[in-house]
Amino acid sequence: MKIGVNGVLQLNDYEITTFMQLCEKIQPEDVGHFAAICQATYYIVTTARFWFSLYKRNHKWVTELPENLNHWNMNHIYGLRASVIRSLYYMYMPFRSKISSEKTLSADPTYLLRSQCLLQWQQKRGCHHKYLFKFFHPNCVKKFKGSVSRLRMPDIAESDSLVHINPDEGCYILEAKCLTLNAMPMVMGEYLHHAGIGISANLCHHRLRLSFSPRHMLPSGSTSSIGTRRPNITEISLDSVEHVIV
């Protein structure tokens, strides 16, 4: 590896080939350490080839895997890195264990205040009912600013620049698992005005309360007053809540 004209880094074919062979043994949790070794390894983890290989090496059939993350739908370049990472949280046991080890009701839904609800849906899994909300928080959007443009690599594909694009950047999923069926009004397009977890009426379970309003009805501060009642506010009250994940 050497510095060429105008400070552009140049890598030879030998360096790329050597690290390409080594990356076939990299575990998902070690990708960051591998990328930090040198400019050659950093370049490798920006390629579509690396993420396709990581997906294939760790792929296994799981019933919870979403349809868009199945292998027959993983033939795209756009947003490939984000799709592979999401699939690993379903297929790769160390990542699955990390999610399952989270404490019940440890999530703080107030983090999503002033976020817009893009989607809402519900699922029935056995005796449990899951209620899910997809929020968009504009303050959490980050742009990927890699230094790959400063590298002069052999046979670099222009499509590799699409690998790191995350179409869901700034989005969060709020999931509540309940023992009972709850009525859920339509709130897509509205903004989260208030969120809180309390005790249900029977004092045996928890209750998740969410309030939504149009954007112009949001309070000026970052938090909202629980006791203040305003018009045009849609409330969702989920009873018998066992688990809340953000």
Protein backbone atom coordinates (compact mmCIF):
# COMPACT_ATOMS: atom_id res chain seq x y z
CA MET A 1 0.00 0.00 0.00
CA LYS A 2 1.38 3.40 -0.98
CA ILE A 3 0.30 6.99 -1.41
CA GLY A 4 -0.04 8.09 -5.00
CA VAL A 5 -0.79 11.37 -6.72
CA ASN A 6 -2.89 13.89 -4.76
CA GLY A 7 -2.67 11.77 -1.63
CA VAL A 8 -4.80 8.93 -3.06
CA LEU A 9 -4.03 5.58 -1.46
CA GLN A 10 -3.16 2.74 -3.82
CA LEU A 11 -3.45 -0.95 -2.95
CA ASN A 12 -1.94 -3.76 -4.97
CA ASP A 13 -3.73 -6.94 -6.03
CA TYR A 14 -1.71 -9.06 -3.59
CA GLU A 15 -2.95 -7.16 -0.53
CA ILE A 16 -6.56 -7.33 -1.66
CA THR A 17 -6.39 -11.05 -2.51
CA THR A 18 -4.74 -11.94 0.80
CA PHE A 19 -7.27 -10.13 2.94
CA MET A 20 -10.15 -11.40 0.79
CA GLN A 21 -9.15 -14.94 1.75
CA LEU A 22 -8.86 -14.02 5.43
CA CYS A 23 -12.27 -12.35 5.55
CA GLU A 24 -13.94 -15.69 4.77
CA LYS A 25 -13.16 -16.70 8.37
CA ILE A 26 -14.42 -13.51 10.04
CA GLN A 27 -17.31 -13.88 12.48
CA PRO A 28 -20.07 -11.22 12.41
CA GLU A 29 -19.05 -9.72 15.76
CA ASP A 30 -15.46 -9.27 14.49
CA VAL A 31 -16.25 -7.29 11.34
CA GLY A 32 -15.43 -3.96 13.00
CA HIS A 33 -12.07 -5.22 14.27
CA PHE A 34 -11.23 -6.63 10.83
CA ALA A 35 -12.11 -3.35 9.10
CA ALA A 36 -9.83 -1.42 11.49
CA ILE A 37 -6.68 -3.38 10.59
CA CYS A 38 -5.72 -1.26 7.58
CA GLN A 39 -7.11 0.52 4.53
CA ALA A 40 -7.26 -2.74 2.57
CA THR A 41 -9.52 -4.45 5.11
CA TYR A 42 -11.65 -1.33 5.41
CA TYR A 43 -12.17 -1.35 1.65
CA ILE A 44 -13.13 -5.04 1.69
CA VAL A 45 -15.98 -4.54 4.17
CA THR A 46 -17.43 -1.86 1.88
CA THR A 47 -17.88 -4.33 -0.99
CA ALA A 48 -21.01 -6.26 -1.85
CA ARG A 49 -18.94 -9.44 -2.14
CA PHE A 50 -18.03 -9.33 1.55
CA TRP A 51 -21.63 -8.93 2.75
CA PHE A 52 -22.99 -11.57 0.38
CA SER A 53 -20.35 -13.98 1.71
CA LEU A 54 -21.14 -13.13 5.35
CA TYR A 55 -24.83 -13.77 4.74
CA LYS A 56 -24.29 -17.11 3.00
CA ARG A 57 -21.89 -18.40 5.66
CA ASN A 58 -24.36 -17.70 8.46
CA HIS A 59 -27.60 -18.46 6.68
CA LYS A 60 -29.96 -20.99 8.22
CA TRP A 61 -33.68 -21.49 8.13
CA VAL A 62 -35.62 -19.84 10.94
CA THR A 63 -39.37 -19.39 11.02
CA GLU A 64 -39.19 -15.80 12.30
CA LEU A 65 -37.03 -14.58 9.40
CA PRO A 66 -38.95 -11.90 7.42
CA GLU A 67 -39.71 -12.66 3.79
CA ASN A 68 -37.50 -9.85 2.48
CA LEU A 69 -34.48 -11.32 4.33
CA ASN A 70 -34.77 -14.83 2.87
CA HIS A 71 -31.97 -15.89 0.54
CA TRP A 72 -34.11 -15.68 -2.61
CA ASN A 73 -34.74 -11.99 -1.89
CA MET A 74 -31.14 -11.15 -0.95
CA ASN A 75 -29.89 -10.57 -4.49
CA HIS A 76 -29.82 -6.77 -4.31
CA ILE A 77 -27.00 -4.27 -3.79
CA TYR A 78 -29.00 -1.32 -2.50
CA GLY A 79 -29.01 -1.41 1.31
CA LEU A 80 -27.30 -4.82 1.39
CA ARG A 81 -25.29 -4.18 4.57
CA ALA A 82 -28.38 -3.18 6.59
CA SER A 83 -30.31 -6.22 5.31
CA VAL A 84 -27.51 -8.63 6.24
CA ILE A 85 -27.17 -7.16 9.74
CA ARG A 86 -30.92 -7.47 10.31
CA SER A 87 -30.92 -11.08 9.13
CA LEU A 88 -28.08 -11.96 11.52
CA TYR A 89 -30.26 -10.96 14.48
CA TYR A 90 -32.60 -13.76 13.41
CA MET A 91 -30.09 -16.40 12.24
CA TYR A 92 -26.88 -15.87 14.25
CA MET A 93 -27.18 -17.27 17.76
CA PRO A 94 -24.87 -14.80 19.62
CA PHE A 95 -26.90 -11.89 18.22
CA ARG A 96 -30.20 -13.62 19.03
CA SER A 97 -29.02 -14.24 22.59
CA LYS A 98 -28.19 -10.56 22.97
CA ILE A 99 -31.78 -9.61 22.17
CA SER A 100 -33.36 -12.32 24.33
CA SER A 101 -31.19 -11.35 27.33
CA GLU A 102 -32.69 -7.86 27.52
CA LYS A 103 -34.68 -7.27 30.68
CA THR A 104 -38.45 -7.19 30.46
CA LEU A 105 -39.89 -3.65 30.19
CA SER A 106 -36.39 -2.14 30.19
CA ALA A 107 -37.04 -0.07 27.06
CA ASP A 108 -37.82 3.63 27.39
CA PRO A 109 -40.55 4.61 24.88
CA THR A 110 -40.13 8.30 25.75
CA TYR A 111 -37.03 8.25 23.55
CA LEU A 112 -39.42 8.23 20.58
CA LEU A 113 -41.33 11.37 21.56
CA ARG A 114 -41.96 13.73 18.63
CA SER A 115 -41.30 10.88 16.17
CA GLN A 116 -43.68 10.17 13.30
CA CYS A 117 -45.47 6.82 13.12
CA LEU A 118 -44.90 5.45 9.61
CA LEU A 119 -46.44 1.99 10.02
CA GLN A 120 -48.41 0.00 12.56
CA TRP A 121 -49.35 -3.66 12.56
CA GLN A 122 -50.06 -6.55 14.89
CA GLN A 123 -49.20 -10.25 15.04
CA LYS A 124 -50.51 -13.21 16.99
CA ARG A 125 -47.88 -15.67 18.20
CA GLY A 126 -49.37 -18.47 20.25
CA CYS A 127 -51.25 -16.94 23.18
CA HIS A 128 -49.52 -13.57 22.80
CA HIS A 129 -50.47 -10.53 20.74
CA LYS A 130 -47.69 -8.32 19.40
CA TYR A 131 -48.31 -4.67 18.54
CA LEU A 132 -45.64 -2.97 16.46
CA PHE A 133 -45.09 0.64 15.46
CA LYS A 134 -42.45 1.95 13.07
CA PHE A 135 -41.29 5.46 13.94
CA PHE A 136 -39.10 7.93 12.08
CA HIS A 137 -36.92 10.27 14.13
CA PRO A 138 -35.29 12.90 11.84
CA ASN A 139 -32.70 13.85 14.47
CA CYS A 140 -31.21 10.35 14.29
CA VAL A 141 -30.48 10.36 10.56
CA LYS A 142 -26.81 10.03 9.75
CA LYS A 143 -25.11 10.06 6.42
CA PHE A 144 -22.42 7.50 5.64
CA LYS A 145 -19.22 9.37 4.96
CA GLY A 146 -16.60 6.77 4.24
CA SER A 147 -13.12 7.43 2.94
CA VAL A 148 -13.40 4.84 0.18
CA SER A 149 -13.34 7.60 -2.41
CA ARG A 150 -9.73 8.28 -1.43
CA LEU A 151 -8.74 4.72 -2.27
CA ARG A 152 -7.69 3.70 -5.74
CA MET A 153 -8.63 0.02 -5.83
CA PRO A 154 -8.40 -2.56 -8.60
CA ASP A 155 -11.72 -3.57 -10.18
CA ILE A 156 -13.85 -1.55 -7.76
CA ALA A 157 -17.53 -1.61 -8.72
CA GLU A 158 -19.53 1.60 -8.63
CA SER A 159 -22.47 -0.37 -7.22
CA ASP A 160 -20.49 -1.01 -4.02
CA SER A 161 -21.28 2.55 -2.98
CA LEU A 162 -24.93 1.46 -2.60
CA VAL A 163 -24.07 -1.29 -0.11
CA HIS A 164 -23.94 1.01 2.93
CA ILE A 165 -27.15 2.89 2.17
CA ASN A 166 -29.75 2.21 4.84
CA PRO A 167 -33.28 3.02 3.60
CA ASP A 168 -34.52 2.79 7.20
CA GLU A 169 -31.98 5.24 8.63
CA GLY A 170 -33.51 7.10 11.55
CA CYS A 171 -36.31 4.56 11.99
CA TYR A 172 -37.17 2.61 15.14
CA ILE A 173 -39.57 -0.25 15.88
CA LEU A 174 -41.59 -0.19 19.10
CA GLU A 175 -42.86 -3.68 19.94
CA ALA A 176 -45.25 -4.48 22.77
CA LYS A 177 -46.14 -8.09 23.63
CA CYS A 178 -49.49 -8.49 25.37
CA LEU A 179 -51.47 -11.36 26.84
CA THR A 180 -54.80 -9.99 25.63
CA LEU A 181 -56.22 -8.55 22.44
CA ASN A 182 -56.34 -4.74 22.47
CA ALA A 183 -58.14 -2.30 20.20
CA MET A 184 -55.69 -0.15 18.25
CA PRO A 185 -56.88 2.95 16.35
CA MET A 186 -55.09 4.11 13.22
CA VAL A 187 -52.25 6.53 14.01
CA MET A 188 -50.06 6.30 10.91
CA GLY A 189 -48.79 9.72 9.89
CA GLU A 190 -49.25 11.20 13.37
CA TYR A 191 -46.53 12.11 15.88
CA LEU A 192 -45.90 10.60 19.31
CA HIS A 193 -47.12 13.13 21.87
CA HIS A 194 -46.77 11.08 25.05
CA ALA A 195 -45.52 7.60 26.01
CA GLY A 196 -45.48 5.86 29.35
CA ILE A 197 -45.59 2.46 31.06
CA GLY A 198 -47.77 2.03 34.13
CA ILE A 199 -49.77 -0.56 36.02
CA SER A 200 -52.95 -2.06 34.57
CA ALA A 201 -56.32 -1.86 36.32
CA ASN A 202 -56.03 -5.37 37.80
CA LEU A 203 -52.61 -4.49 39.31
CA CYS A 204 -51.21 -7.74 37.87
CA HIS A 205 -49.71 -6.52 34.60
CA HIS A 206 -48.32 -3.41 32.97
CA ARG A 207 -50.02 -1.00 30.61
CA LEU A 208 -48.42 0.90 27.74
CA ARG A 209 -50.01 4.23 26.95
CA LEU A 210 -49.24 6.08 23.71
CA SER A 211 -50.72 9.41 22.63
CA PHE A 212 -50.48 10.70 19.07
CA SER A 213 -51.26 14.09 17.59
CA PRO A 214 -50.65 16.10 14.40
CA ARG A 215 -47.26 17.75 14.20
CA HIS A 216 -48.56 21.25 14.91
CA MET A 217 -50.13 20.00 18.16
CA LEU A 218 -46.84 18.78 19.64
CA PRO A 219 -45.60 20.58 22.78
CA SER A 220 -42.72 22.99 22.36
CA GLY A 221 -40.42 21.04 24.71
CA SER A 222 -38.91 17.58 24.29
CA THR A 223 -41.37 16.09 26.80
CA SER A 224 -45.13 16.29 27.13
CA SER A 225 -47.38 16.84 30.10
CA ILE A 226 -49.35 13.76 31.08
CA GLY A 227 -52.16 15.66 32.69
CA THR A 228 -52.74 18.12 29.85
CA ARG A 229 -55.66 17.13 27.63
CA ARG A 230 -55.70 18.55 24.14
CA PRO A 231 -58.06 18.06 21.19
CA ASN A 232 -57.08 15.99 18.15
CA ILE A 233 -55.07 13.55 20.27
CA THR A 234 -55.44 9.83 19.59
CA GLU A 235 -54.69 7.57 22.52
CA ILE A 236 -53.66 3.91 22.47
CA SER A 237 -53.77 1.93 25.69
CA LEU A 238 -52.31 -1.58 25.58
CA ASP A 239 -53.18 -3.68 28.61
CA SER A 240 -51.61 -6.89 29.98
CA VAL A 241 -48.20 -5.92 28.58
CA GLU A 242 -45.41 -8.42 29.21
CA HIS A 243 -42.57 -6.97 27.18
CA VAL A 244 -41.69 -3.69 25.45
CA ILE A 245 -38.79 -3.40 23.00
CA VAL A 246 -37.50 -0.37 21.10
